[in-house]
Amino acid sequence: MPRYHFNVYDGIEMLDKVGVELPDSKYARREAIRYAGSILEGGASKDNLGPEWRMEVTNASGLILFRLDFQVTDSPAVADDARSFLSKPTA
């Protein structure tokens, strides 16, 4: 079975040096989504996910097969809420 590596980049490189054997790239894609979800969930609970986050899935020779990209972008409404919160006088 082919070996796939799931490398994560969020300001810090977390390279998967071991990888996992899976039947094909379809299974690797499913595993990437599952794995990314668990990492994002864990990071979100700690509120330490950076504004940009990606996972690159490679084969055993390091060829990038596909990548998952995640980006958090505040809407203007959120920015307005933050500004009004900061400008409120404290008692």
N, C-alpha and C. Protein backbone atom coordinates (compact mmCIF):
# COMPACT_ATOMS: atom_id res chain seq x y z
N MET A 1 0.84 -1.19 0.00
CA MET A 1 0.00 0.00 0.00
C MET A 1 0.88 1.24 0.00
N PRO A 2 0.42 2.30 -0.67
CA PRO A 2 1.20 3.55 -0.67
C PRO A 2 1.16 4.24 0.69
N ARG A 3 2.22 4.98 0.97
CA ARG A 3 2.33 5.74 2.22
C ARG A 3 2.08 7.21 1.93
N TYR A 4 1.27 7.84 2.77
CA TYR A 4 0.92 9.25 2.64
C TYR A 4 1.37 10.00 3.88
N HIS A 5 1.81 11.24 3.67
CA HIS A 5 2.27 12.09 4.76
C HIS A 5 1.38 13.33 4.82
N PHE A 6 1.04 13.74 6.04
CA PHE A 6 0.12 14.85 6.27
C PHE A 6 0.89 15.96 6.99
N ASN A 7 1.40 16.91 6.23
CA ASN A 7 2.22 17.99 6.76
C ASN A 7 1.37 19.22 7.01
N VAL A 8 1.52 19.80 8.20
CA VAL A 8 0.69 20.93 8.62
C VAL A 8 1.57 22.16 8.77
N TYR A 9 1.05 23.29 8.29
CA TYR A 9 1.76 24.57 8.36
C TYR A 9 0.82 25.61 8.95
N ASP A 10 1.22 26.18 10.08
CA ASP A 10 0.46 27.24 10.74
C ASP A 10 1.47 28.16 11.43
N GLY A 11 2.37 28.71 10.65
CA GLY A 11 3.45 29.49 11.24
C GLY A 11 4.58 28.58 11.71
N ILE A 12 4.26 27.35 11.98
CA ILE A 12 5.23 26.32 12.39
C ILE A 12 5.02 25.13 11.47
N GLU A 13 6.09 24.54 11.00
CA GLU A 13 5.99 23.34 10.18
C GLU A 13 5.87 22.11 11.09
N MET A 14 4.82 21.35 10.89
CA MET A 14 4.66 20.07 11.58
C MET A 14 4.71 19.00 10.49
N LEU A 15 5.91 18.48 10.24
CA LEU A 15 6.08 17.52 9.17
C LEU A 15 5.81 16.11 9.67
N ASP A 16 5.05 15.39 8.92
CA ASP A 16 4.71 14.00 9.22
C ASP A 16 5.81 13.11 8.65
N LYS A 17 6.77 12.76 9.47
CA LYS A 17 7.91 11.98 9.01
C LYS A 17 7.59 10.49 8.88
N VAL A 18 6.54 10.03 9.55
CA VAL A 18 6.19 8.61 9.53
C VAL A 18 5.18 8.30 8.44
N GLY A 19 4.13 9.09 8.35
CA GLY A 19 3.08 8.85 7.37
C GLY A 19 2.21 7.67 7.75
N VAL A 20 1.29 7.36 6.86
CA VAL A 20 0.36 6.24 7.09
C VAL A 20 0.10 5.56 5.76
N GLU A 21 -0.01 4.25 5.82
CA GLU A 21 -0.32 3.49 4.61
C GLU A 21 -1.83 3.46 4.40
N LEU A 22 -2.25 3.82 3.20
CA LEU A 22 -3.66 3.82 2.84
C LEU A 22 -3.81 3.24 1.43
N PRO A 23 -4.98 2.69 1.11
CA PRO A 23 -5.16 2.03 -0.19
C PRO A 23 -4.92 2.93 -1.40
N ASP A 24 -5.37 4.20 -1.33
CA ASP A 24 -5.21 5.10 -2.48
C ASP A 24 -5.44 6.54 -2.05
N SER A 25 -5.33 7.46 -3.02
CA SER A 25 -5.45 8.89 -2.71
C SER A 25 -6.85 9.28 -2.25
N LYS A 26 -7.85 8.52 -2.63
CA LYS A 26 -9.22 8.79 -2.17
C LYS A 26 -9.29 8.61 -0.64
N TYR A 27 -8.68 7.56 -0.15
CA TYR A 27 -8.63 7.33 1.30
C TYR A 27 -7.76 8.38 1.98
N ALA A 28 -6.68 8.78 1.31
CA ALA A 28 -5.80 9.81 1.87
C ALA A 28 -6.55 11.14 2.01
N ARG A 29 -7.39 11.46 1.04
CA ARG A 29 -8.18 12.69 1.11
C ARG A 29 -9.15 12.65 2.29
N ARG A 30 -9.81 11.52 2.46
CA ARG A 30 -10.73 11.37 3.61
C ARG A 30 -9.97 11.51 4.93
N GLU A 31 -8.80 10.87 5.00
CA GLU A 31 -8.01 10.94 6.23
C GLU A 31 -7.52 12.36 6.47
N ALA A 32 -7.15 13.08 5.43
CA ALA A 32 -6.71 14.46 5.57
C ALA A 32 -7.82 15.33 6.15
N ILE A 33 -9.02 15.16 5.66
CA ILE A 33 -10.15 15.95 6.16
C ILE A 33 -10.44 15.61 7.61
N ARG A 34 -10.42 14.33 7.94
CA ARG A 34 -10.66 13.90 9.32
C ARG A 34 -9.58 14.45 10.25
N TYR A 35 -8.34 14.29 9.84
CA TYR A 35 -7.20 14.73 10.65
C TYR A 35 -7.20 16.26 10.82
N ALA A 36 -7.44 16.98 9.73
CA ALA A 36 -7.50 18.44 9.80
C ALA A 36 -8.60 18.89 10.76
N GLY A 37 -9.75 18.22 10.69
CA GLY A 37 -10.85 18.55 11.60
C GLY A 37 -10.45 18.39 13.06
N SER A 38 -9.75 17.31 13.37
CA SER A 38 -9.36 17.09 14.77
C SER A 38 -8.32 18.11 15.22
N ILE A 39 -7.38 18.46 14.33
CA ILE A 39 -6.38 19.47 14.68
C ILE A 39 -7.03 20.84 14.86
N LEU A 40 -7.90 21.21 13.93
CA LEU A 40 -8.58 22.51 14.03
C LEU A 40 -9.45 22.59 15.27
N GLU A 41 -10.14 21.50 15.58
CA GLU A 41 -10.98 21.50 16.78
C GLU A 41 -10.13 21.69 18.03
N GLY A 42 -9.03 20.99 18.11
CA GLY A 42 -8.14 21.13 19.27
C GLY A 42 -7.54 22.52 19.37
N GLY A 43 -7.13 23.08 18.24
CA GLY A 43 -6.55 24.42 18.23
C GLY A 43 -7.58 25.49 18.53
N ALA A 44 -8.80 25.30 18.05
CA ALA A 44 -9.85 26.29 18.29
C ALA A 44 -10.21 26.35 19.77
N SER A 45 -10.18 25.20 20.43
CA SER A 45 -10.51 25.20 21.85
C SER A 45 -9.44 25.93 22.66
N LYS A 46 -8.23 26.00 22.12
CA LYS A 46 -7.14 26.73 22.80
C LYS A 46 -7.01 28.14 22.26
N ASP A 47 -7.81 28.47 21.22
CA ASP A 47 -7.79 29.79 20.58
C ASP A 47 -6.39 30.15 20.09
N ASN A 48 -5.67 29.15 19.56
CA ASN A 48 -4.32 29.46 19.09
C ASN A 48 -4.12 29.13 17.61
N LEU A 49 -5.20 29.02 16.86
CA LEU A 49 -5.05 28.83 15.42
C LEU A 49 -4.66 30.15 14.79
N GLY A 50 -3.69 30.11 13.92
CA GLY A 50 -3.29 31.32 13.22
C GLY A 50 -4.33 31.72 12.19
N PRO A 51 -4.17 32.87 11.57
CA PRO A 51 -5.15 33.31 10.57
C PRO A 51 -5.13 32.44 9.32
N GLU A 52 -4.00 31.80 9.03
CA GLU A 52 -3.91 30.90 7.89
C GLU A 52 -3.36 29.56 8.34
N TRP A 53 -3.87 28.51 7.75
CA TRP A 53 -3.51 27.16 8.16
C TRP A 53 -3.65 26.27 6.94
N ARG A 54 -2.70 25.37 6.72
CA ARG A 54 -2.83 24.46 5.59
C ARG A 54 -2.25 23.09 5.92
N MET A 55 -2.72 22.11 5.19
CA MET A 55 -2.19 20.76 5.27
C MET A 55 -1.85 20.32 3.85
N GLU A 56 -0.64 19.85 3.67
CA GLU A 56 -0.23 19.29 2.39
C GLU A 56 -0.10 17.79 2.55
N VAL A 57 -0.70 17.06 1.64
CA VAL A 57 -0.62 15.60 1.64
C VAL A 57 0.34 15.20 0.54
N THR A 58 1.37 14.46 0.93
CA THR A 58 2.39 14.04 -0.02
C THR A 58 2.46 12.52 -0.09
N ASN A 59 3.07 12.06 -1.17
CA ASN A 59 3.34 10.63 -1.26
C ASN A 59 4.70 10.36 -0.60
N ALA A 60 5.16 9.13 -0.64
CA ALA A 60 6.39 8.74 0.04
C ALA A 60 7.62 9.48 -0.50
N SER A 61 7.58 9.91 -1.77
CA SER A 61 8.74 10.62 -2.32
C SER A 61 8.65 12.13 -2.12
N GLY A 62 7.61 12.61 -1.44
CA GLY A 62 7.49 14.04 -1.13
C GLY A 62 6.70 14.85 -2.14
N LEU A 63 6.15 14.21 -3.17
CA LEU A 63 5.32 14.92 -4.14
C LEU A 63 4.01 15.34 -3.50
N ILE A 64 3.67 16.63 -3.57
CA ILE A 64 2.41 17.12 -3.00
C ILE A 64 1.27 16.65 -3.90
N LEU A 65 0.35 15.88 -3.32
CA LEU A 65 -0.79 15.34 -4.06
C LEU A 65 -1.98 16.28 -4.02
N PHE A 66 -2.21 16.88 -2.87
CA PHE A 66 -3.25 17.89 -2.71
C PHE A 66 -3.01 18.63 -1.41
N ARG A 67 -3.77 19.70 -1.23
CA ARG A 67 -3.59 20.49 -0.02
C ARG A 67 -4.93 21.02 0.44
N LEU A 68 -5.07 21.14 1.74
CA LEU A 68 -6.26 21.73 2.36
C LEU A 68 -5.85 23.08 2.91
N ASP A 69 -6.60 24.12 2.58
CA ASP A 69 -6.32 25.47 3.06
C ASP A 69 -7.46 25.96 3.93
N PHE A 70 -7.10 26.57 5.05
CA PHE A 70 -8.09 27.17 5.94
C PHE A 70 -7.63 28.57 6.26
N GLN A 71 -8.59 29.50 6.23
CA GLN A 71 -8.27 30.89 6.54
C GLN A 71 -9.41 31.47 7.34
N VAL A 72 -9.08 32.21 8.37
CA VAL A 72 -10.08 32.89 9.18
C VAL A 72 -10.02 34.37 8.84
N THR A 73 -11.16 34.91 8.40
CA THR A 73 -11.24 36.32 8.04
C THR A 73 -12.43 36.93 8.77
N ASP A 74 -12.15 37.91 9.61
CA ASP A 74 -13.24 38.59 10.30
C ASP A 74 -14.03 39.43 9.32
N SER A 75 -15.34 39.45 9.48
CA SER A 75 -16.18 40.31 8.66
C SER A 75 -16.13 41.73 9.23
N PRO A 76 -16.54 42.73 8.46
CA PRO A 76 -16.57 44.09 8.98
C PRO A 76 -17.42 44.21 10.26
N ALA A 77 -18.47 43.41 10.35
CA ALA A 77 -19.33 43.47 11.55
C ALA A 77 -18.56 43.08 12.79
N VAL A 78 -17.71 42.09 12.70
CA VAL A 78 -16.91 41.66 13.85
C VAL A 78 -15.91 42.75 14.20
N ALA A 79 -15.29 43.35 13.20
CA ALA A 79 -14.34 44.44 13.45
C ALA A 79 -15.05 45.61 14.12
N ASP A 80 -16.28 45.94 13.67
CA ASP A 80 -17.05 47.02 14.29
C ASP A 80 -17.38 46.70 15.74
N ASP A 81 -17.74 45.44 16.02
CA ASP A 81 -18.03 45.03 17.40
C ASP A 81 -16.80 45.22 18.28
N ALA A 82 -15.64 44.87 17.80
CA ALA A 82 -14.41 45.01 18.57
C ALA A 82 -14.11 46.49 18.84
N ARG A 83 -14.30 47.34 17.81
CA ARG A 83 -14.04 48.76 18.01
C ARG A 83 -15.01 49.37 19.01
N SER A 84 -16.29 49.02 18.94
CA SER A 84 -17.26 49.60 19.87
C SER A 84 -17.01 49.08 21.28
N PHE A 85 -16.57 47.83 21.40
CA PHE A 85 -16.25 47.29 22.72
C PHE A 85 -15.08 48.04 23.33
N LEU A 86 -14.08 48.33 22.52
CA LEU A 86 -12.90 49.00 23.03
C LEU A 86 -13.16 50.46 23.37
N SER A 87 -14.14 51.08 22.71
CA SER A 87 -14.39 52.50 22.95
C SER A 87 -15.39 52.74 24.08
N LYS A 88 -16.01 51.69 24.62
CA LYS A 88 -16.96 51.88 25.72
C LYS A 88 -16.22 52.25 27.00
N PRO A 89 -16.74 53.26 27.70
CA PRO A 89 -16.08 53.62 28.98
C PRO A 89 -16.31 52.53 30.02
N THR A 90 -15.32 52.33 30.85
CA THR A 90 -15.44 51.34 31.92
C THR A 90 -15.94 52.03 33.18
N ALA A 91 -16.66 51.29 33.98
CA ALA A 91 -17.24 51.88 35.20
C ALA A 91 -16.26 51.90 36.32
